[in-house]
Amino acid sequence: MDNQNEHLENLAEMRSLMEKSSRFVSLSGLSGVFAGLAGLIGAAALFWFYGTQYYYPDHSNAVYTESGEIKDSFIQFLFLDTVGILVMAIGFGAFFTMRKAKRQGLKVWDATSKRLLINLLIPLLTGGVFGLILIKQGQIQLVAATTLIFYGLALVNASKYTLHDIRYLGICEIILGLLSAFYIGYGLVFWAIGFGILHVIYGIVMYLKYEK
């Protein structure tokens, strides 16, 4: 019986080593929490300065000209707001991930993390470019839905190379994006839920599950 238990333990250890070699397991739950907080700050800034004006191009306001064109000042604000969110999310994500990897004695940058990054960036960059095209074409009402859907696809695509749990986050983001496309007037709300609240919840769950 002791030999059988030892054999099972060895198999479990081998499986764990294989999992670590094929998947990037150093993602920290705290990085998800802080990424969500960054998303909420960005959404709050957009709402504070513009409210829901960008959904109603029928009259001149802080977003649209009298002819219904989007003002350059709003595009610049939207760009800076997005960059600010990304910088905060990536910065905190890198810090907590490196800290967790150091504790685990694992490398942050290897073949697995490269595959993870590539599979994440392909849908993510595609969605970002498509969102810029929508803004250029004056279809800003669909930007929130587009970013949520493509971000969800990026997470699902990258989940093959990291923790399986991130796949469920991606599916939730896709569902939110589709709902946002249906309820046009609530795009900012769905955006705040997807990039903010969901990330915070996901980060807390991951932290309690893998790091506590």
N, C-alpha and C. Protein backbone atom coordinates (compact mmCIF):
# COMPACT_ATOMS: atom_id res chain seq x y z
N MET A 1 0.83 -1.21 0.00
CA MET A 1 0.00 0.00 0.00
C MET A 1 0.86 1.26 0.00
N ASP A 2 1.96 1.22 0.81
CA ASP A 2 2.86 2.37 0.88
C ASP A 2 3.50 2.63 -0.47
N ASN A 3 3.86 1.54 -1.17
CA ASN A 3 4.47 1.71 -2.49
C ASN A 3 3.49 2.34 -3.47
N GLN A 4 2.22 1.94 -3.36
CA GLN A 4 1.20 2.49 -4.25
C GLN A 4 0.99 3.98 -3.99
N ASN A 5 0.95 4.35 -2.71
CA ASN A 5 0.80 5.77 -2.37
C ASN A 5 1.99 6.59 -2.85
N GLU A 6 3.18 6.02 -2.71
CA GLU A 6 4.38 6.72 -3.17
C GLU A 6 4.36 6.89 -4.68
N HIS A 7 3.87 5.86 -5.37
CA HIS A 7 3.77 5.93 -6.83
C HIS A 7 2.79 7.02 -7.26
N LEU A 8 1.66 7.11 -6.56
CA LEU A 8 0.67 8.15 -6.88
C LEU A 8 1.21 9.54 -6.60
N GLU A 9 1.97 9.67 -5.51
CA GLU A 9 2.57 10.96 -5.20
C GLU A 9 3.58 11.38 -6.26
N ASN A 10 4.36 10.40 -6.74
CA ASN A 10 5.33 10.70 -7.80
C ASN A 10 4.63 11.14 -9.08
N LEU A 11 3.53 10.46 -9.40
CA LEU A 11 2.77 10.83 -10.60
C LEU A 11 2.20 12.24 -10.47
N ALA A 12 1.70 12.55 -9.27
CA ALA A 12 1.14 13.88 -9.04
C ALA A 12 2.22 14.95 -9.17
N GLU A 13 3.41 14.65 -8.66
CA GLU A 13 4.53 15.60 -8.75
C GLU A 13 4.96 15.79 -10.19
N MET A 14 5.02 14.69 -10.95
CA MET A 14 5.38 14.78 -12.37
C MET A 14 4.35 15.59 -13.15
N ARG A 15 3.08 15.38 -12.82
CA ARG A 15 2.02 16.13 -13.50
C ARG A 15 2.12 17.62 -13.20
N SER A 16 2.45 17.94 -11.92
CA SER A 16 2.61 19.34 -11.54
C SER A 16 3.77 19.99 -12.28
N LEU A 17 4.88 19.26 -12.41
CA LEU A 17 6.04 19.79 -13.13
C LEU A 17 5.72 20.01 -14.60
N MET A 18 4.99 19.06 -15.20
CA MET A 18 4.61 19.21 -16.61
C MET A 18 3.67 20.39 -16.80
N GLU A 19 2.77 20.61 -15.85
CA GLU A 19 1.84 21.73 -15.92
C GLU A 19 2.60 23.05 -15.87
N LYS A 20 3.59 23.13 -14.97
CA LYS A 20 4.37 24.35 -14.84
C LYS A 20 5.22 24.63 -16.07
N SER A 21 5.66 23.56 -16.74
CA SER A 21 6.51 23.74 -17.91
C SER A 21 5.72 24.14 -19.14
N SER A 22 4.42 23.82 -19.19
CA SER A 22 3.61 24.10 -20.37
C SER A 22 2.65 25.26 -20.17
N ARG A 23 2.51 25.74 -18.93
CA ARG A 23 1.59 26.83 -18.65
C ARG A 23 2.27 27.87 -17.77
N PHE A 24 1.92 29.12 -18.02
CA PHE A 24 2.45 30.22 -17.21
C PHE A 24 1.56 30.34 -15.98
N VAL A 25 2.08 29.91 -14.83
CA VAL A 25 1.26 29.82 -13.62
C VAL A 25 1.59 30.91 -12.60
N SER A 26 2.38 31.90 -13.01
CA SER A 26 2.81 32.93 -12.06
C SER A 26 1.92 34.17 -12.07
N LEU A 27 0.83 34.15 -12.84
CA LEU A 27 -0.08 35.30 -12.81
C LEU A 27 -0.64 35.48 -11.41
N SER A 28 -0.53 36.69 -10.89
CA SER A 28 -0.98 36.96 -9.53
C SER A 28 -2.41 37.47 -9.52
N GLY A 29 -3.16 37.02 -8.54
CA GLY A 29 -4.53 37.52 -8.38
C GLY A 29 -4.56 39.00 -8.06
N LEU A 30 -3.54 39.48 -7.36
CA LEU A 30 -3.49 40.89 -7.00
C LEU A 30 -3.34 41.77 -8.24
N SER A 31 -2.68 41.25 -9.28
CA SER A 31 -2.57 42.02 -10.52
C SER A 31 -3.95 42.22 -11.14
N GLY A 32 -4.82 41.22 -11.03
CA GLY A 32 -6.19 41.35 -11.52
C GLY A 32 -6.98 42.38 -10.73
N VAL A 33 -6.77 42.41 -9.41
CA VAL A 33 -7.46 43.37 -8.56
C VAL A 33 -7.08 44.80 -8.94
N PHE A 34 -5.78 45.04 -9.09
CA PHE A 34 -5.32 46.40 -9.39
C PHE A 34 -5.65 46.79 -10.83
N ALA A 35 -5.67 45.82 -11.75
CA ALA A 35 -6.09 46.11 -13.11
C ALA A 35 -7.56 46.54 -13.12
N GLY A 36 -8.37 45.88 -12.30
CA GLY A 36 -9.78 46.26 -12.19
C GLY A 36 -9.97 47.64 -11.60
N LEU A 37 -9.16 47.97 -10.59
CA LEU A 37 -9.24 49.30 -10.00
C LEU A 37 -8.83 50.37 -11.02
N ALA A 38 -7.82 50.06 -11.83
CA ALA A 38 -7.41 50.99 -12.88
C ALA A 38 -8.53 51.20 -13.89
N GLY A 39 -9.23 50.10 -14.25
CA GLY A 39 -10.36 50.20 -15.17
C GLY A 39 -11.48 51.05 -14.61
N LEU A 40 -11.75 50.91 -13.32
CA LEU A 40 -12.80 51.70 -12.68
C LEU A 40 -12.43 53.19 -12.63
N ILE A 41 -11.15 53.46 -12.39
CA ILE A 41 -10.69 54.86 -12.37
C ILE A 41 -10.85 55.48 -13.76
N GLY A 42 -10.48 54.72 -14.80
CA GLY A 42 -10.61 55.23 -16.16
C GLY A 42 -12.05 55.47 -16.55
N ALA A 43 -12.94 54.55 -16.17
CA ALA A 43 -14.36 54.73 -16.47
C ALA A 43 -14.94 55.92 -15.71
N ALA A 44 -14.51 56.08 -14.46
CA ALA A 44 -14.99 57.22 -13.66
C ALA A 44 -14.53 58.54 -14.26
N ALA A 45 -13.29 58.58 -14.76
CA ALA A 45 -12.77 59.81 -15.38
C ALA A 45 -13.57 60.16 -16.63
N LEU A 46 -13.88 59.14 -17.44
CA LEU A 46 -14.66 59.39 -18.66
C LEU A 46 -16.05 59.89 -18.33
N PHE A 47 -16.67 59.29 -17.31
CA PHE A 47 -18.02 59.71 -16.93
C PHE A 47 -18.00 61.11 -16.30
N TRP A 48 -16.95 61.40 -15.53
CA TRP A 48 -16.86 62.69 -14.85
C TRP A 48 -16.80 63.84 -15.85
N PHE A 49 -16.02 63.65 -16.90
CA PHE A 49 -15.82 64.73 -17.87
C PHE A 49 -16.88 64.77 -18.98
N TYR A 50 -17.42 63.58 -19.32
CA TYR A 50 -18.32 63.55 -20.49
C TYR A 50 -19.68 62.92 -20.22
N GLY A 51 -19.84 62.25 -19.11
CA GLY A 51 -21.12 61.61 -18.85
C GLY A 51 -21.47 60.64 -19.97
N THR A 52 -22.68 60.74 -20.50
CA THR A 52 -23.10 59.87 -21.61
C THR A 52 -23.29 60.67 -22.89
N GLN A 53 -22.62 61.81 -23.00
CA GLN A 53 -22.81 62.68 -24.16
C GLN A 53 -22.40 62.01 -25.48
N TYR A 54 -21.43 61.11 -25.41
CA TYR A 54 -20.93 60.53 -26.65
C TYR A 54 -21.90 59.55 -27.29
N TYR A 55 -23.03 59.31 -26.64
CA TYR A 55 -24.05 58.44 -27.25
C TYR A 55 -25.10 59.24 -28.02
N TYR A 56 -25.05 60.56 -27.92
CA TYR A 56 -26.10 61.37 -28.51
C TYR A 56 -25.50 62.46 -29.41
N PRO A 57 -25.27 62.14 -30.68
CA PRO A 57 -24.62 63.08 -31.60
C PRO A 57 -25.58 64.07 -32.26
N ASP A 58 -26.81 64.18 -31.80
CA ASP A 58 -27.79 65.02 -32.48
C ASP A 58 -27.62 66.50 -32.21
N HIS A 59 -26.82 66.84 -31.20
CA HIS A 59 -26.64 68.25 -30.91
C HIS A 59 -25.20 68.51 -30.47
N SER A 60 -24.80 69.73 -30.55
CA SER A 60 -23.43 70.09 -30.20
C SER A 60 -23.22 69.98 -28.69
N ASN A 61 -22.17 69.30 -28.27
CA ASN A 61 -21.81 69.22 -26.86
C ASN A 61 -20.28 69.06 -26.76
N ALA A 62 -19.81 68.56 -25.63
CA ALA A 62 -18.37 68.45 -25.43
C ALA A 62 -17.72 67.38 -26.31
N VAL A 63 -18.52 66.52 -26.92
CA VAL A 63 -18.00 65.42 -27.73
C VAL A 63 -18.19 65.67 -29.22
N TYR A 64 -19.38 66.14 -29.60
CA TYR A 64 -19.72 66.29 -31.02
C TYR A 64 -19.82 67.76 -31.42
N THR A 65 -19.47 68.02 -32.65
CA THR A 65 -19.68 69.34 -33.23
C THR A 65 -21.13 69.45 -33.68
N GLU A 66 -21.52 70.62 -34.14
CA GLU A 66 -22.89 70.82 -34.60
C GLU A 66 -23.21 69.96 -35.82
N SER A 67 -22.19 69.60 -36.58
CA SER A 67 -22.39 68.75 -37.76
C SER A 67 -22.38 67.27 -37.41
N GLY A 68 -22.20 66.94 -36.13
CA GLY A 68 -22.24 65.55 -35.70
C GLY A 68 -20.91 64.84 -35.74
N GLU A 69 -19.81 65.55 -36.00
CA GLU A 69 -18.49 64.94 -36.02
C GLU A 69 -17.89 64.92 -34.61
N ILE A 70 -17.07 63.90 -34.36
CA ILE A 70 -16.45 63.78 -33.04
C ILE A 70 -15.29 64.77 -32.93
N LYS A 71 -15.25 65.49 -31.83
CA LYS A 71 -14.21 66.48 -31.63
C LYS A 71 -12.86 65.81 -31.34
N ASP A 72 -11.79 66.43 -31.84
CA ASP A 72 -10.45 65.92 -31.61
C ASP A 72 -10.10 65.88 -30.13
N SER A 73 -10.63 66.83 -29.37
CA SER A 73 -10.32 66.89 -27.93
C SER A 73 -10.84 65.66 -27.21
N PHE A 74 -12.01 65.16 -27.65
CA PHE A 74 -12.54 63.95 -27.02
C PHE A 74 -11.73 62.73 -27.40
N ILE A 75 -11.32 62.63 -28.65
CA ILE A 75 -10.49 61.51 -29.09
C ILE A 75 -9.18 61.49 -28.32
N GLN A 76 -8.59 62.66 -28.12
CA GLN A 76 -7.35 62.75 -27.36
C GLN A 76 -7.55 62.32 -25.91
N PHE A 77 -8.67 62.77 -25.32
CA PHE A 77 -8.95 62.37 -23.94
C PHE A 77 -9.14 60.86 -23.84
N LEU A 78 -9.89 60.30 -24.78
CA LEU A 78 -10.15 58.88 -24.78
C LEU A 78 -8.85 58.09 -24.93
N PHE A 79 -7.96 58.58 -25.79
CA PHE A 79 -6.67 57.93 -26.00
C PHE A 79 -5.82 57.97 -24.73
N LEU A 80 -5.73 59.15 -24.11
CA LEU A 80 -4.93 59.30 -22.90
C LEU A 80 -5.52 58.49 -21.74
N ASP A 81 -6.83 58.45 -21.66
CA ASP A 81 -7.51 57.68 -20.62
C ASP A 81 -7.19 56.20 -20.77
N THR A 82 -7.26 55.71 -22.00
CA THR A 82 -6.98 54.30 -22.27
C THR A 82 -5.52 53.96 -21.99
N VAL A 83 -4.62 54.82 -22.43
CA VAL A 83 -3.19 54.59 -22.18
C VAL A 83 -2.90 54.59 -20.68
N GLY A 84 -3.53 55.51 -19.96
CA GLY A 84 -3.33 55.56 -18.52
C GLY A 84 -3.77 54.28 -17.83
N ILE A 85 -4.92 53.75 -18.26
CA ILE A 85 -5.42 52.49 -17.69
C ILE A 85 -4.44 51.36 -17.99
N LEU A 86 -3.97 51.29 -19.23
CA LEU A 86 -3.05 50.23 -19.63
C LEU A 86 -1.74 50.30 -18.85
N VAL A 87 -1.21 51.51 -18.70
CA VAL A 87 0.05 51.67 -17.98
C VAL A 87 -0.09 51.21 -16.53
N MET A 88 -1.17 51.61 -15.87
CA MET A 88 -1.40 51.19 -14.49
C MET A 88 -1.61 49.68 -14.39
N ALA A 89 -2.44 49.13 -15.28
CA ALA A 89 -2.74 47.71 -15.24
C ALA A 89 -1.50 46.87 -15.51
N ILE A 90 -0.74 47.24 -16.55
CA ILE A 90 0.47 46.49 -16.90
C ILE A 90 1.53 46.64 -15.81
N GLY A 91 1.67 47.86 -15.28
CA GLY A 91 2.67 48.10 -14.24
C GLY A 91 2.41 47.26 -12.99
N PHE A 92 1.20 47.33 -12.48
CA PHE A 92 0.86 46.53 -11.31
C PHE A 92 0.90 45.04 -11.62
N GLY A 93 0.44 44.66 -12.82
CA GLY A 93 0.46 43.26 -13.21
C GLY A 93 1.88 42.70 -13.24
N ALA A 94 2.79 43.46 -13.82
CA ALA A 94 4.19 43.02 -13.89
C ALA A 94 4.80 42.91 -12.50
N PHE A 95 4.51 43.88 -11.64
CA PHE A 95 5.07 43.89 -10.28
C PHE A 95 4.63 42.66 -9.49
N PHE A 96 3.31 42.43 -9.44
CA PHE A 96 2.81 41.32 -8.63
C PHE A 96 3.15 39.96 -9.25
N THR A 97 3.18 39.89 -10.57
CA THR A 97 3.53 38.63 -11.23
C THR A 97 4.99 38.27 -10.98
N MET A 98 5.88 39.26 -11.10
CA MET A 98 7.30 38.99 -10.84
C MET A 98 7.53 38.61 -9.38
N ARG A 99 6.78 39.25 -8.50
CA ARG A 99 6.91 38.92 -7.08
C ARG A 99 6.47 37.48 -6.80
N LYS A 100 5.36 37.06 -7.42
CA LYS A 100 4.89 35.69 -7.24
C LYS A 100 5.86 34.70 -7.86
N ALA A 101 6.38 34.99 -9.04
CA ALA A 101 7.33 34.09 -9.71
C ALA A 101 8.59 33.93 -8.88
N LYS A 102 9.05 35.01 -8.27
CA LYS A 102 10.24 34.94 -7.43
C LYS A 102 10.01 34.05 -6.23
N ARG A 103 8.82 34.15 -5.63
CA ARG A 103 8.49 33.29 -4.49
C ARG A 103 8.44 31.82 -4.90
N GLN A 104 7.96 31.56 -6.13
CA GLN A 104 7.84 30.19 -6.61
C GLN A 104 9.13 29.66 -7.20
N GLY A 105 10.09 30.53 -7.37
CA GLY A 105 11.35 30.11 -7.98
C GLY A 105 11.23 29.84 -9.46
N LEU A 106 10.33 30.56 -10.14
CA LEU A 106 10.08 30.35 -11.56
C LEU A 106 10.52 31.56 -12.37
N LYS A 107 10.79 31.34 -13.65
CA LYS A 107 11.14 32.43 -14.55
C LYS A 107 9.88 33.12 -15.05
N VAL A 108 9.96 34.44 -15.17
CA VAL A 108 8.82 35.19 -15.70
C VAL A 108 8.82 35.15 -17.22
N TRP A 109 9.99 35.25 -17.81
CA TRP A 109 10.09 35.32 -19.27
C TRP A 109 10.73 34.05 -19.81
N ASP A 110 9.91 33.19 -20.42
CA ASP A 110 10.41 31.96 -21.03
C ASP A 110 9.55 31.65 -22.25
N ALA A 111 9.71 30.46 -22.81
CA ALA A 111 8.96 30.09 -24.02
C ALA A 111 7.46 30.10 -23.77
N THR A 112 7.04 29.68 -22.57
CA THR A 112 5.60 29.63 -22.26
C THR A 112 5.01 31.03 -22.16
N SER A 113 5.70 31.93 -21.47
CA SER A 113 5.19 33.30 -21.33
C SER A 113 5.18 34.01 -22.68
N LYS A 114 6.12 33.68 -23.57
CA LYS A 114 6.12 34.26 -24.92
C LYS A 114 4.89 33.81 -25.70
N ARG A 115 4.58 32.52 -25.62
CA ARG A 115 3.38 32.01 -26.31
C ARG A 115 2.12 32.64 -25.74
N LEU A 116 2.10 32.79 -24.41
CA LEU A 116 0.96 33.43 -23.76
C LEU A 116 0.77 34.86 -24.28
N LEU A 117 1.87 35.61 -24.34
CA LEU A 117 1.80 37.00 -24.77
C LEU A 117 1.35 37.12 -26.22
N ILE A 118 1.88 36.28 -27.08
CA ILE A 118 1.53 36.33 -28.51
C ILE A 118 0.05 36.03 -28.71
N ASN A 119 -0.44 34.98 -28.04
CA ASN A 119 -1.84 34.60 -28.21
C ASN A 119 -2.78 35.60 -27.57
N LEU A 120 -2.30 36.36 -26.59
CA LEU A 120 -3.11 37.41 -25.98
C LEU A 120 -3.16 38.65 -26.87
N LEU A 121 -2.01 39.00 -27.44
CA LEU A 121 -1.91 40.26 -28.17
C LEU A 121 -2.61 40.25 -29.54
N ILE A 122 -2.64 39.11 -30.20
CA ILE A 122 -3.24 39.07 -31.55
C ILE A 122 -4.70 39.54 -31.53
N PRO A 123 -5.58 38.94 -30.72
CA PRO A 123 -6.97 39.46 -30.69
C PRO A 123 -7.05 40.84 -30.04
N LEU A 124 -6.17 41.10 -29.05
CA LEU A 124 -6.24 42.36 -28.31
C LEU A 124 -5.90 43.54 -29.22
N LEU A 125 -4.82 43.43 -29.97
CA LEU A 125 -4.42 44.51 -30.88
C LEU A 125 -5.43 44.67 -32.02
N THR A 126 -5.96 43.53 -32.49
CA THR A 126 -6.98 43.59 -33.54
C THR A 126 -8.19 44.38 -33.06
N GLY A 127 -8.64 44.09 -31.84
CA GLY A 127 -9.77 44.81 -31.28
C GLY A 127 -9.48 46.28 -31.07
N GLY A 128 -8.23 46.60 -30.64
CA GLY A 128 -7.86 47.99 -30.45
C GLY A 128 -7.88 48.78 -31.75
N VAL A 129 -7.33 48.18 -32.81
CA VAL A 129 -7.32 48.85 -34.12
C VAL A 129 -8.75 49.02 -34.64
N PHE A 130 -9.56 47.97 -34.46
CA PHE A 130 -10.95 48.05 -34.92
C PHE A 130 -11.72 49.12 -34.15
N GLY A 131 -11.42 49.26 -32.85
CA GLY A 131 -12.05 50.31 -32.07
C GLY A 131 -11.68 51.69 -32.57
N LEU A 132 -10.40 51.88 -32.96
CA LEU A 132 -9.97 53.16 -33.52
C LEU A 132 -10.68 53.45 -34.84
N ILE A 133 -10.89 52.40 -35.63
CA ILE A 133 -11.61 52.57 -36.91
C ILE A 133 -13.05 53.01 -36.65
N LEU A 134 -13.67 52.41 -35.64
CA LEU A 134 -15.04 52.80 -35.29
C LEU A 134 -15.12 54.26 -34.88
N ILE A 135 -14.14 54.69 -34.10
CA ILE A 135 -14.11 56.10 -33.69
C ILE A 135 -13.94 57.00 -34.91
N LYS A 136 -13.03 56.61 -35.80
CA LYS A 136 -12.78 57.39 -37.00
C LYS A 136 -14.03 57.49 -37.87
N GLN A 137 -14.82 56.43 -37.89
CA GLN A 137 -16.04 56.40 -38.69
C GLN A 137 -17.25 56.99 -37.96
N GLY A 138 -17.02 57.48 -36.74
CA GLY A 138 -18.11 58.08 -35.98
C GLY A 138 -19.04 57.09 -35.31
N GLN A 139 -18.62 55.83 -35.20
CA GLN A 139 -19.45 54.79 -34.57
C GLN A 139 -18.98 54.53 -33.14
N ILE A 140 -18.84 55.59 -32.39
CA ILE A 140 -18.28 55.46 -31.05
C ILE A 140 -19.17 54.67 -30.10
N GLN A 141 -20.47 54.57 -30.44
CA GLN A 141 -21.40 53.83 -29.58
C GLN A 141 -21.03 52.36 -29.44
N LEU A 142 -20.29 51.83 -30.42
CA LEU A 142 -19.96 50.40 -30.40
C LEU A 142 -18.56 50.11 -29.88
N VAL A 143 -17.84 51.14 -29.46
CA VAL A 143 -16.46 50.94 -29.01
C VAL A 143 -16.39 50.09 -27.74
N ALA A 144 -17.28 50.36 -26.79
CA ALA A 144 -17.27 49.59 -25.55
C ALA A 144 -17.53 48.11 -25.82
N ALA A 145 -18.52 47.83 -26.66
CA ALA A 145 -18.83 46.44 -27.01
C ALA A 145 -17.66 45.77 -27.71
N THR A 146 -17.05 46.50 -28.64
CA THR A 146 -15.93 45.95 -29.41
C THR A 146 -14.75 45.60 -28.52
N THR A 147 -14.37 46.53 -27.64
CA THR A 147 -13.22 46.27 -26.77
C THR A 147 -13.48 45.11 -25.81
N LEU A 148 -14.69 45.02 -25.29
CA LEU A 148 -15.03 43.92 -24.38
C LEU A 148 -14.99 42.57 -25.10
N ILE A 149 -15.55 42.51 -26.29
CA ILE A 149 -15.60 41.25 -27.03
C ILE A 149 -14.20 40.78 -27.42
N PHE A 150 -13.40 41.68 -27.99
CA PHE A 150 -12.06 41.30 -28.41
C PHE A 150 -11.16 40.99 -27.21
N TYR A 151 -11.35 41.70 -26.11
CA TYR A 151 -10.58 41.40 -24.91
C TYR A 151 -10.95 40.02 -24.38
N GLY A 152 -12.24 39.70 -24.40
CA GLY A 152 -12.67 38.37 -23.98
C GLY A 152 -12.09 37.27 -24.86
N LEU A 153 -12.09 37.51 -26.17
CA LEU A 153 -11.49 36.55 -27.09
C LEU A 153 -9.99 36.39 -26.83
N ALA A 154 -9.33 37.48 -26.49
CA ALA A 154 -7.90 37.42 -26.19
C ALA A 154 -7.64 36.56 -24.95
N LEU A 155 -8.46 36.73 -23.92
CA LEU A 155 -8.30 35.94 -22.71
C LEU A 155 -8.56 34.45 -22.96
N VAL A 156 -9.60 34.16 -23.71
CA VAL A 156 -9.90 32.75 -24.03
C VAL A 156 -8.76 32.15 -24.84
N ASN A 157 -8.24 32.91 -25.78
CA ASN A 157 -7.14 32.42 -26.62
C ASN A 157 -5.88 32.19 -25.80
N ALA A 158 -5.61 33.06 -24.83
CA ALA A 158 -4.40 32.95 -24.01
C ALA A 158 -4.54 31.92 -22.90
N SER A 159 -5.76 31.52 -22.58
CA SER A 159 -5.98 30.60 -21.46
C SER A 159 -5.34 29.23 -21.69
N LYS A 160 -5.00 28.92 -22.93
CA LYS A 160 -4.34 27.65 -23.23
C LYS A 160 -2.94 27.59 -22.64
N TYR A 161 -2.38 28.75 -22.30
CA TYR A 161 -1.01 28.81 -21.83
C TYR A 161 -0.87 29.34 -20.41
N THR A 162 -1.98 29.44 -19.71
CA THR A 162 -1.92 29.89 -18.32
C THR A 162 -3.03 29.19 -17.53
N LEU A 163 -3.42 29.75 -16.41
CA LEU A 163 -4.44 29.14 -15.56
C LEU A 163 -5.77 29.05 -16.30
N HIS A 164 -6.44 27.91 -16.16
CA HIS A 164 -7.71 27.69 -16.86
C HIS A 164 -8.76 28.72 -16.46
N ASP A 165 -8.66 29.22 -15.23
CA ASP A 165 -9.68 30.13 -14.71
C ASP A 165 -9.84 31.39 -15.56
N ILE A 166 -8.78 31.80 -16.22
CA ILE A 166 -8.84 33.02 -17.02
C ILE A 166 -9.80 32.86 -18.20
N ARG A 167 -10.04 31.61 -18.58
CA ARG A 167 -10.98 31.35 -19.69
C ARG A 167 -12.39 31.80 -19.32
N TYR A 168 -12.77 31.57 -18.07
CA TYR A 168 -14.12 31.95 -17.62
C TYR A 168 -14.26 33.47 -17.58
N LEU A 169 -13.18 34.16 -17.19
CA LEU A 169 -13.20 35.61 -17.24
C LEU A 169 -13.40 36.10 -18.67
N GLY A 170 -12.71 35.45 -19.61
CA GLY A 170 -12.86 35.82 -21.02
C GLY A 170 -14.27 35.62 -21.53
N ILE A 171 -14.89 34.52 -21.15
CA ILE A 171 -16.27 34.25 -21.58
C ILE A 171 -17.22 35.31 -21.02
N CYS A 172 -17.00 35.70 -19.77
CA CYS A 172 -17.85 36.74 -19.17
C CYS A 172 -17.68 38.07 -19.89
N GLU A 173 -16.43 38.38 -20.29
CA GLU A 173 -16.18 39.63 -21.02
C GLU A 173 -16.90 39.62 -22.38
N ILE A 174 -16.89 38.49 -23.05
CA ILE A 174 -17.57 38.38 -24.35
C ILE A 174 -19.07 38.58 -24.19
N ILE A 175 -19.64 37.95 -23.17
CA ILE A 175 -21.08 38.10 -22.92
C ILE A 175 -21.43 39.55 -22.62
N LEU A 176 -20.61 40.21 -21.81
CA LEU A 176 -20.85 41.62 -21.50
C LEU A 176 -20.76 42.48 -22.76
N GLY A 177 -19.79 42.16 -23.63
CA GLY A 177 -19.64 42.91 -24.88
C GLY A 177 -20.86 42.78 -25.77
N LEU A 178 -21.40 41.59 -25.86
CA LEU A 178 -22.60 41.37 -26.67
C LEU A 178 -23.80 42.11 -26.09
N LEU A 179 -23.92 42.09 -24.77
CA LEU A 179 -25.01 42.84 -24.12
C LEU A 179 -24.84 44.34 -24.34
N SER A 180 -23.57 44.79 -24.30
CA SER A 180 -23.30 46.21 -24.52
C SER A 180 -23.69 46.63 -25.93
N ALA A 181 -23.48 45.75 -26.91
CA ALA A 181 -23.86 46.05 -28.29
C ALA A 181 -25.37 46.14 -28.43
N PHE A 182 -26.09 45.42 -27.58
CA PHE A 182 -27.55 45.43 -27.63
C PHE A 182 -28.12 46.63 -26.89
N TYR A 183 -27.54 46.94 -25.71
CA TYR A 183 -27.99 48.09 -24.92
C TYR A 183 -26.99 49.23 -25.12
N ILE A 184 -27.10 49.90 -26.25
CA ILE A 184 -26.13 50.91 -26.66
C ILE A 184 -25.94 52.02 -25.62
N GLY A 185 -26.99 52.48 -25.02
CA GLY A 185 -26.90 53.60 -24.10
C GLY A 185 -26.19 53.31 -22.79
N TYR A 186 -25.83 52.05 -22.56
CA TYR A 186 -25.20 51.68 -21.29
C TYR A 186 -23.79 51.13 -21.50
N GLY A 187 -23.15 51.54 -22.59
CA GLY A 187 -21.82 51.03 -22.92
C GLY A 187 -20.79 51.27 -21.83
N LEU A 188 -20.80 52.47 -21.26
CA LEU A 188 -19.83 52.80 -20.22
C LEU A 188 -20.05 51.95 -18.97
N VAL A 189 -21.30 51.65 -18.67
CA VAL A 189 -21.61 50.80 -17.51
C VAL A 189 -21.05 49.40 -17.72
N PHE A 190 -21.31 48.83 -18.91
CA PHE A 190 -20.78 47.49 -19.21
C PHE A 190 -19.26 47.50 -19.23
N TRP A 191 -18.69 48.59 -19.74
CA TRP A 191 -17.23 48.71 -19.80
C TRP A 191 -16.64 48.71 -18.39
N ALA A 192 -17.28 49.46 -17.48
CA ALA A 192 -16.80 49.52 -16.09
C ALA A 192 -16.95 48.17 -15.40
N ILE A 193 -18.03 47.47 -15.70
CA ILE A 193 -18.22 46.13 -15.12
C ILE A 193 -17.16 45.17 -15.64
N GLY A 194 -16.96 45.17 -16.97
CA GLY A 194 -16.04 44.21 -17.57
C GLY A 194 -14.59 44.45 -17.22
N PHE A 195 -14.12 45.68 -17.40
CA PHE A 195 -12.71 45.98 -17.16
C PHE A 195 -12.43 46.34 -15.70
N GLY A 196 -13.49 46.63 -14.94
CA GLY A 196 -13.30 47.00 -13.56
C GLY A 196 -13.74 45.93 -12.58
N ILE A 197 -15.04 45.83 -12.39
CA ILE A 197 -15.58 44.95 -11.34
C ILE A 197 -15.22 43.49 -11.56
N LEU A 198 -15.36 43.00 -12.80
CA LEU A 198 -15.04 41.59 -13.05
C LEU A 198 -13.58 41.28 -12.74
N HIS A 199 -12.70 42.21 -13.07
CA HIS A 199 -11.28 42.01 -12.79
C HIS A 199 -11.01 41.95 -11.29
N VAL A 200 -11.66 42.82 -10.55
CA VAL A 200 -11.48 42.81 -9.10
C VAL A 200 -11.96 41.49 -8.51
N ILE A 201 -13.15 41.05 -8.92
CA ILE A 201 -13.69 39.78 -8.42
C ILE A 201 -12.78 38.62 -8.81
N TYR A 202 -12.37 38.59 -10.09
CA TYR A 202 -11.48 37.53 -10.57
C TYR A 202 -10.17 37.52 -9.78
N GLY A 203 -9.59 38.70 -9.56
CA GLY A 203 -8.32 38.78 -8.84
C GLY A 203 -8.44 38.27 -7.42
N ILE A 204 -9.51 38.64 -6.74
CA ILE A 204 -9.71 38.18 -5.36
C ILE A 204 -9.85 36.66 -5.31
N VAL A 205 -10.66 36.11 -6.23
CA VAL A 205 -10.85 34.66 -6.28
C VAL A 205 -9.54 33.95 -6.55
N MET A 206 -8.75 34.44 -7.51
CA MET A 206 -7.47 33.82 -7.85
C MET A 206 -6.49 33.91 -6.68
N TYR A 207 -6.51 35.03 -6.00
CA TYR A 207 -5.60 35.20 -4.85
C TYR A 207 -5.95 34.21 -3.74
N LEU A 208 -7.22 34.09 -3.42
CA LEU A 208 -7.65 33.17 -2.37
C LEU A 208 -7.42 31.71 -2.78
N LYS A 209 -7.55 31.43 -4.05
CA LYS A 209 -7.45 30.05 -4.54
C LYS A 209 -6.00 29.57 -4.69
N TYR A 210 -5.12 30.44 -5.14
CA TYR A 210 -3.76 29.99 -5.46
C TYR A 210 -2.66 30.62 -4.59
N GLU A 211 -2.95 31.72 -3.90
CA GLU A 211 -1.86 32.41 -3.22
C GLU A 211 -2.05 32.53 -1.71
N LYS A 212 -3.24 32.29 -1.23
CA LYS A 212 -3.50 32.46 0.21
C LYS A 212 -2.93 31.27 0.99
